[in-house]
Amino acid sequence: EKFVFLYAGNMGYPNDIETIVKCADRLRDNANIHFIFLGTGVKERALRKSIEEMKLTNVTLLTPKPRGEQIIFLNACDVALVSLVAKMCGVSMPSRTYNILAAGKPMLALTDDESELAMVIDEDGVGWHVPPGNSDRLIAAINEIYEKRGVLEEYGQRARGSALEKYSLAVASRKYIDALTL
């Protein structure tokens, strides 16, 4: 019965996990919103410690799952979370973005406005993005998404369409062949 935001994947230095935790803390009294973290990485220990110390009952931390189960856990959420720390433009494009698109899930990203991730979200109309480190904007986005949750199916359909039309193996292969034969 919860509205679930899922962060699934690596919890590394380039990922802004901290802002999501601050947001979860500030939303702890909203019984409708729940955060799930699924994965591992250098920030996992700090995340686990924060959840325990802050007594965050609106956050669940799960151990990594096999890639073959990805469709199951991605479909267990309402909105997928993708996060990058500031100044990652041109440095990192989280591969989980394409998995989320393929699963037909809308996404909420913490990323710089100029990033490739923000560009994909905006061009394909598959979600929302806020600046990394800005828990106020993240909370506002979460509340807006929850209030307008009726549009999530439309966002999900666009996400799936984007995966098939722009990022599938067949499309990527064709683009490589075209580039090599110029």
C-alpha atoms as a PDB file:
ATOM      1  CA  GLU A   1       0.000   0.000   0.000  1.00  0.00           C
ATOM      2  CA  LYS A   2       3.065   2.258  -0.040  1.00  0.00           C
ATOM      3  CA  PHE A   3       4.223   4.541  -2.819  1.00  0.00           C
ATOM      4  CA  VAL A   4       7.718   3.179  -3.440  1.00  0.00           C
ATOM      5  CA  PHE A   5      10.834   4.962  -4.659  1.00  0.00           C
ATOM      6  CA  LEU A   6      13.527   2.416  -5.535  1.00  0.00           C
ATOM      7  CA  TYR A   7      17.249   2.998  -5.715  1.00  0.00           C
ATOM      8  CA  ALA A   8      18.728  -0.143  -7.273  1.00  0.00           C
ATOM      9  CA  GLY A   9      22.383  -0.471  -8.129  1.00  0.00           C
ATOM     10  CA  ASN A  10      25.832   0.584  -7.097  1.00  0.00           C
ATOM     11  CA  MET A  11      26.152   2.844  -4.064  1.00  0.00           C
ATOM     12  CA  GLY A  12      29.450   4.404  -4.979  1.00  0.00           C
ATOM     13  CA  TYR A  13      31.233   7.709  -4.711  1.00  0.00           C
ATOM     14  CA  PRO A  14      29.500   9.163  -7.802  1.00  0.00           C
ATOM     15  CA  ASN A  15      26.057   8.489  -6.299  1.00  0.00           C
ATOM     16  CA  ASP A  16      24.224  11.014  -4.138  1.00  0.00           C
ATOM     17  CA  ILE A  17      22.789   8.639  -1.560  1.00  0.00           C
ATOM     18  CA  GLU A  18      23.065  11.202   1.234  1.00  0.00           C
ATOM     19  CA  THR A  19      20.401  13.564  -0.140  1.00  0.00           C
ATOM     20  CA  ILE A  20      17.935  10.703  -0.512  1.00  0.00           C
ATOM     21  CA  VAL A  21      18.519   9.734   3.136  1.00  0.00           C
ATOM     22  CA  LYS A  22      17.980  13.355   4.286  1.00  0.00           C
ATOM     23  CA  CYS A  23      14.781  13.400   2.285  1.00  0.00           C
ATOM     24  CA  ALA A  24      13.601  10.110   3.810  1.00  0.00           C
ATOM     25  CA  ASP A  25      14.283  11.507   7.268  1.00  0.00           C
ATOM     26  CA  ARG A  26      12.220  14.617   6.556  1.00  0.00           C
ATOM     27  CA  LEU A  27       9.403  12.502   5.064  1.00  0.00           C
ATOM     28  CA  ARG A  28       9.362   9.964   7.903  1.00  0.00           C
ATOM     29  CA  ASP A  29       5.867  11.043   9.013  1.00  0.00           C
ATOM     30  CA  ASN A  30       4.365  10.511   5.558  1.00  0.00           C
ATOM     31  CA  ALA A  31       3.073   6.947   5.866  1.00  0.00           C
ATOM     32  CA  ASN A  32       2.419   6.771   2.120  1.00  0.00           C
ATOM     33  CA  ILE A  33       6.028   7.176   0.939  1.00  0.00           C
ATOM     34  CA  HIS A  34       8.640   4.418   1.240  1.00  0.00           C
ATOM     35  CA  PHE A  35      12.228   4.193  -0.025  1.00  0.00           C
ATOM     36  CA  ILE A  36      13.962   0.959  -0.979  1.00  0.00           C
ATOM     37  CA  PHE A  37      17.699   0.710  -1.546  1.00  0.00           C
ATOM     38  CA  LEU A  38      18.866  -2.436  -3.268  1.00  0.00           C
ATOM     39  CA  GLY A  39      22.549  -2.913  -3.964  1.00  0.00           C
ATOM     40  CA  THR A  40      25.969  -2.491  -2.496  1.00  0.00           C
ATOM     41  CA  GLY A  41      29.048  -0.319  -2.733  1.00  0.00           C
ATOM     42  CA  VAL A  42      31.352   1.906  -0.714  1.00  0.00           C
ATOM     43  CA  LYS A  43      28.428   3.970   0.609  1.00  0.00           C
ATOM     44  CA  GLU A  44      26.365   0.989   1.762  1.00  0.00           C
ATOM     45  CA  ARG A  45      27.855   0.908   5.263  1.00  0.00           C
ATOM     46  CA  ALA A  46      27.171   4.624   5.824  1.00  0.00           C
ATOM     47  CA  LEU A  47      23.638   4.159   4.473  1.00  0.00           C
ATOM     48  CA  ARG A  48      22.989   1.246   6.829  1.00  0.00           C
ATOM     49  CA  LYS A  49      24.360   3.285   9.751  1.00  0.00           C
ATOM     50  CA  SER A  50      22.182   6.292   8.871  1.00  0.00           C
ATOM     51  CA  ILE A  51      19.051   4.151   8.642  1.00  0.00           C
ATOM     52  CA  GLU A  52      19.758   2.641  12.071  1.00  0.00           C
ATOM     53  CA  GLU A  53      20.823   5.862  13.828  1.00  0.00           C
ATOM     54  CA  MET A  54      17.935   7.897  12.414  1.00  0.00           C
ATOM     55  CA  LYS A  55      15.499   5.014  12.990  1.00  0.00           C
ATOM     56  CA  LEU A  56      14.125   5.374   9.481  1.00  0.00           C
ATOM     57  CA  THR A  57      11.150   3.026   9.256  1.00  0.00           C
ATOM     58  CA  ASN A  58      10.325   4.417   5.805  1.00  0.00           C
ATOM     59  CA  VAL A  59      13.549   3.008   4.336  1.00  0.00           C
ATOM     60  CA  THR A  60      14.323  -0.609   3.508  1.00  0.00           C
ATOM     61  CA  LEU A  61      17.832  -1.731   2.570  1.00  0.00           C
ATOM     62  CA  LEU A  62      17.972  -4.981   0.604  1.00  0.00           C
ATOM     63  CA  THR A  63      20.962  -7.058  -0.388  1.00  0.00           C
ATOM     64  CA  PRO A  64      21.915  -7.177  -4.068  1.00  0.00           C
ATOM     65  CA  LYS A  65      19.837  -9.410  -6.306  1.00  0.00           C
ATOM     66  CA  PRO A  66      20.937 -11.258  -9.436  1.00  0.00           C
ATOM     67  CA  ARG A  67      20.625  -9.255 -12.655  1.00  0.00           C
ATOM     68  CA  GLY A  68      18.163 -11.902 -13.870  1.00  0.00           C
ATOM     69  CA  GLU A  69      15.699 -10.739 -11.191  1.00  0.00           C
ATOM     70  CA  GLN A  70      15.963  -7.113 -12.260  1.00  0.00           C
ATOM     71  CA  ILE A  71      12.567  -7.033 -13.934  1.00  0.00           C
ATOM     72  CA  ILE A  72      10.980  -8.238 -10.685  1.00  0.00           C
ATOM     73  CA  PHE A  73      12.457  -5.611  -8.386  1.00  0.00           C
ATOM     74  CA  LEU A  74      12.165  -2.771 -10.898  1.00  0.00           C
ATOM     75  CA  ASN A  75       8.477  -3.539 -11.272  1.00  0.00           C
ATOM     76  CA  ALA A  76       8.070  -3.522  -7.483  1.00  0.00           C
ATOM     77  CA  CYS A  77       8.415   0.277  -7.403  1.00  0.00           C
ATOM     78  CA  ASP A  78       6.326   3.220  -8.492  1.00  0.00           C
ATOM     79  CA  VAL A  79       9.297   5.426  -9.382  1.00  0.00           C
ATOM     80  CA  ALA A  80      12.952   4.495  -9.831  1.00  0.00           C
ATOM     81  CA  LEU A  81      15.656   6.707  -8.341  1.00  0.00           C
ATOM     82  CA  VAL A  82      18.926   7.502 -10.100  1.00  0.00           C
ATOM     83  CA  SER A  83      21.461   9.751  -8.432  1.00  0.00           C
ATOM     84  CA  LEU A  84      24.745  11.390  -9.214  1.00  0.00           C
ATOM     85  CA  VAL A  85      26.782  13.830  -7.173  1.00  0.00           C
ATOM     86  CA  ALA A  86      27.324  17.317  -8.591  1.00  0.00           C
ATOM     87  CA  LYS A  87      29.709  17.990 -11.465  1.00  0.00           C
ATOM     88  CA  MET A  88      29.355  14.583 -13.102  1.00  0.00           C
ATOM     89  CA  CYS A  89      28.388  16.044 -16.512  1.00  0.00           C
ATOM     90  CA  GLY A  90      30.321  14.203 -19.182  1.00  0.00           C
ATOM     91  CA  VAL A  91      31.803  11.822 -16.621  1.00  0.00           C
ATOM     92  CA  SER A  92      29.085   9.305 -15.844  1.00  0.00           C
ATOM     93  CA  MET A  93      25.816   8.040 -17.280  1.00  0.00           C
ATOM     94  CA  PRO A  94      24.365   5.440 -14.924  1.00  0.00           C
ATOM     95  CA  SER A  95      23.696   2.232 -16.843  1.00  0.00           C
ATOM     96  CA  ARG A  96      20.686   1.565 -14.604  1.00  0.00           C
ATOM     97  CA  THR A  97      18.959   4.361 -16.549  1.00  0.00           C
ATOM     98  CA  TYR A  98      18.550   2.039 -19.528  1.00  0.00           C
ATOM     99  CA  ASN A  99      17.304  -0.826 -17.343  1.00  0.00           C
ATOM    100  CA  ILE A 100      14.689   1.477 -15.837  1.00  0.00           C
ATOM    101  CA  LEU A 101      13.586   2.605 -19.296  1.00  0.00           C
ATOM    102  CA  ALA A 102      13.370  -1.023 -20.465  1.00  0.00           C
ATOM    103  CA  ALA A 103      11.205  -1.882 -17.452  1.00  0.00           C
ATOM    104  CA  GLY A 104       8.866   0.972 -18.368  1.00  0.00           C
ATOM    105  CA  LYS A 105       9.311   2.835 -15.106  1.00  0.00           C
ATOM    106  CA  PRO A 106       9.331   6.592 -14.599  1.00  0.00           C
ATOM    107  CA  MET A 107      12.438   7.927 -12.907  1.00  0.00           C
ATOM    108  CA  LEU A 108      13.418  10.669 -10.528  1.00  0.00           C
ATOM    109  CA  ALA A 109      17.063  11.657 -10.795  1.00  0.00           C
ATOM    110  CA  LEU A 110      19.427  13.712  -8.722  1.00  0.00           C
ATOM    111  CA  THR A 111      21.645  15.157 -11.429  1.00  0.00           C
ATOM    112  CA  ASP A 112      22.923  18.408 -12.855  1.00  0.00           C
ATOM    113  CA  ASP A 113      20.565  20.027 -15.352  1.00  0.00           C
ATOM    114  CA  GLU A 114      23.215  19.809 -18.098  1.00  0.00           C
ATOM    115  CA  SER A 115      23.896  16.089 -17.651  1.00  0.00           C
ATOM    116  CA  GLU A 116      23.190  13.379 -20.201  1.00  0.00           C
ATOM    117  CA  LEU A 117      20.851  11.808 -17.643  1.00  0.00           C
ATOM    118  CA  ALA A 118      18.780  15.007 -17.427  1.00  0.00           C
ATOM    119  CA  MET A 119      18.789  15.232 -21.215  1.00  0.00           C
ATOM    120  CA  VAL A 120      17.352  11.700 -21.552  1.00  0.00           C
ATOM    121  CA  ILE A 121      14.682  12.426 -18.951  1.00  0.00           C
ATOM    122  CA  ASP A 122      13.671  15.706 -20.589  1.00  0.00           C
ATOM    123  CA  GLU A 123      13.859  14.615 -24.233  1.00  0.00           C
ATOM    124  CA  ASP A 124      11.910  11.422 -23.679  1.00  0.00           C
ATOM    125  CA  GLY A 125       9.520  12.781 -21.009  1.00  0.00           C
ATOM    126  CA  VAL A 126      10.196   9.854 -18.680  1.00  0.00           C
ATOM    127  CA  GLY A 127      10.490  11.544 -15.303  1.00  0.00           C
ATOM    128  CA  TRP A 128      11.886  14.354 -13.230  1.00  0.00           C
ATOM    129  CA  HIS A 129      15.284  15.586 -12.123  1.00  0.00           C
ATOM    130  CA  VAL A 130      16.526  17.799  -9.332  1.00  0.00           C
ATOM    131  CA  PRO A 131      19.988  19.104  -8.483  1.00  0.00           C
ATOM    132  CA  PRO A 132      22.179  16.815  -6.362  1.00  0.00           C
ATOM    133  CA  GLY A 133      22.480  17.845  -2.734  1.00  0.00           C
ATOM    134  CA  ASN A 134      19.164  19.730  -2.699  1.00  0.00           C
ATOM    135  CA  SER A 135      16.841  17.863  -0.334  1.00  0.00           C
ATOM    136  CA  ASP A 136      14.237  20.667  -0.488  1.00  0.00           C
ATOM    137  CA  ARG A 137      13.856  20.244  -4.259  1.00  0.00           C
ATOM    138  CA  LEU A 138      13.870  16.457  -3.913  1.00  0.00           C
ATOM    139  CA  ILE A 139      11.059  16.562  -1.346  1.00  0.00           C
ATOM    140  CA  ALA A 140       9.079  18.963  -3.525  1.00  0.00           C
ATOM    141  CA  ALA A 141       9.503  16.622  -6.510  1.00  0.00           C
ATOM    142  CA  ILE A 142       8.464  13.565  -4.478  1.00  0.00           C
ATOM    143  CA  ASN A 143       5.368  15.346  -3.189  1.00  0.00           C
ATOM    144  CA  GLU A 144       4.494  16.522  -6.705  1.00  0.00           C
ATOM    145  CA  ILE A 145       4.948  13.028  -8.130  1.00  0.00           C
ATOM    146  CA  TYR A 146       2.803  11.528  -5.387  1.00  0.00           C
ATOM    147  CA  GLU A 147       0.059  14.101  -5.921  1.00  0.00           C
ATOM    148  CA  LYS A 148       0.116  13.550  -9.698  1.00  0.00           C
ATOM    149  CA  ARG A 149       0.641   9.788  -9.539  1.00  0.00           C
ATOM    150  CA  GLY A 150      -2.088   9.285 -12.130  1.00  0.00           C
ATOM    151  CA  VAL A 151       0.434  10.270 -14.845  1.00  0.00           C
ATOM    152  CA  LEU A 152       2.928   7.542 -13.930  1.00  0.00           C
ATOM    153  CA  GLU A 153       1.518   5.024 -16.401  1.00  0.00           C
ATOM    154  CA  GLU A 154       1.989   7.524 -19.226  1.00  0.00           C
ATOM    155  CA  TYR A 155       5.575   8.216 -18.121  1.00  0.00           C
ATOM    156  CA  GLY A 156       6.211   4.479 -17.942  1.00  0.00           C
ATOM    157  CA  GLN A 157       4.881   3.925 -21.454  1.00  0.00           C
ATOM    158  CA  ARG A 158       7.164   6.646 -22.778  1.00  0.00           C
ATOM    159  CA  ALA A 159      10.085   5.077 -20.889  1.00  0.00           C
ATOM    160  CA  ARG A 160       9.455   1.669 -22.459  1.00  0.00           C
ATOM    161  CA  GLY A 161       9.007   3.252 -25.891  1.00  0.00           C
ATOM    162  CA  SER A 162      12.267   5.135 -25.484  1.00  0.00           C
ATOM    163  CA  ALA A 163      14.109   1.936 -24.548  1.00  0.00           C
ATOM    164  CA  LEU A 164      12.815   0.160 -27.643  1.00  0.00           C
ATOM    165  CA  GLU A 165      13.143   3.028 -30.111  1.00  0.00           C
ATOM    166  CA  LYS A 166      16.424   4.601 -28.989  1.00  0.00           C
ATOM    167  CA  TYR A 167      18.422   2.319 -26.708  1.00  0.00           C
ATOM    168  CA  SER A 168      17.748  -1.295 -27.696  1.00  0.00           C
ATOM    169  CA  LEU A 169      20.550  -3.609 -28.803  1.00  0.00           C
ATOM    170  CA  ALA A 170      19.163  -3.609 -32.346  1.00  0.00           C
ATOM    171  CA  VAL A 171      19.146   0.199 -32.520  1.00  0.00           C
ATOM    172  CA  ALA A 172      22.619   0.493 -30.979  1.00  0.00           C
ATOM    173  CA  SER A 173      24.008  -2.141 -33.360  1.00  0.00           C
ATOM    174  CA  ARG A 174      22.537  -0.355 -36.355  1.00  0.00           C
ATOM    175  CA  LYS A 175      24.062   2.946 -35.198  1.00  0.00           C
ATOM    176  CA  TYR A 176      27.502   1.344 -34.795  1.00  0.00           C
ATOM    177  CA  ILE A 177      27.306  -0.228 -38.239  1.00  0.00           C
ATOM    178  CA  ASP A 178      26.176   3.080 -39.765  1.00  0.00           C
ATOM    179  CA  ALA A 179      29.038   4.932 -38.043  1.00  0.00           C
ATOM    180  CA  LEU A 180      31.607   2.404 -39.235  1.00  0.00           C
ATOM    181  CA  THR A 181      30.400   2.427 -42.842  1.00  0.00           C
ATOM    182  CA  LEU A 182      30.464   6.205 -43.330  1.00  0.00           C
END
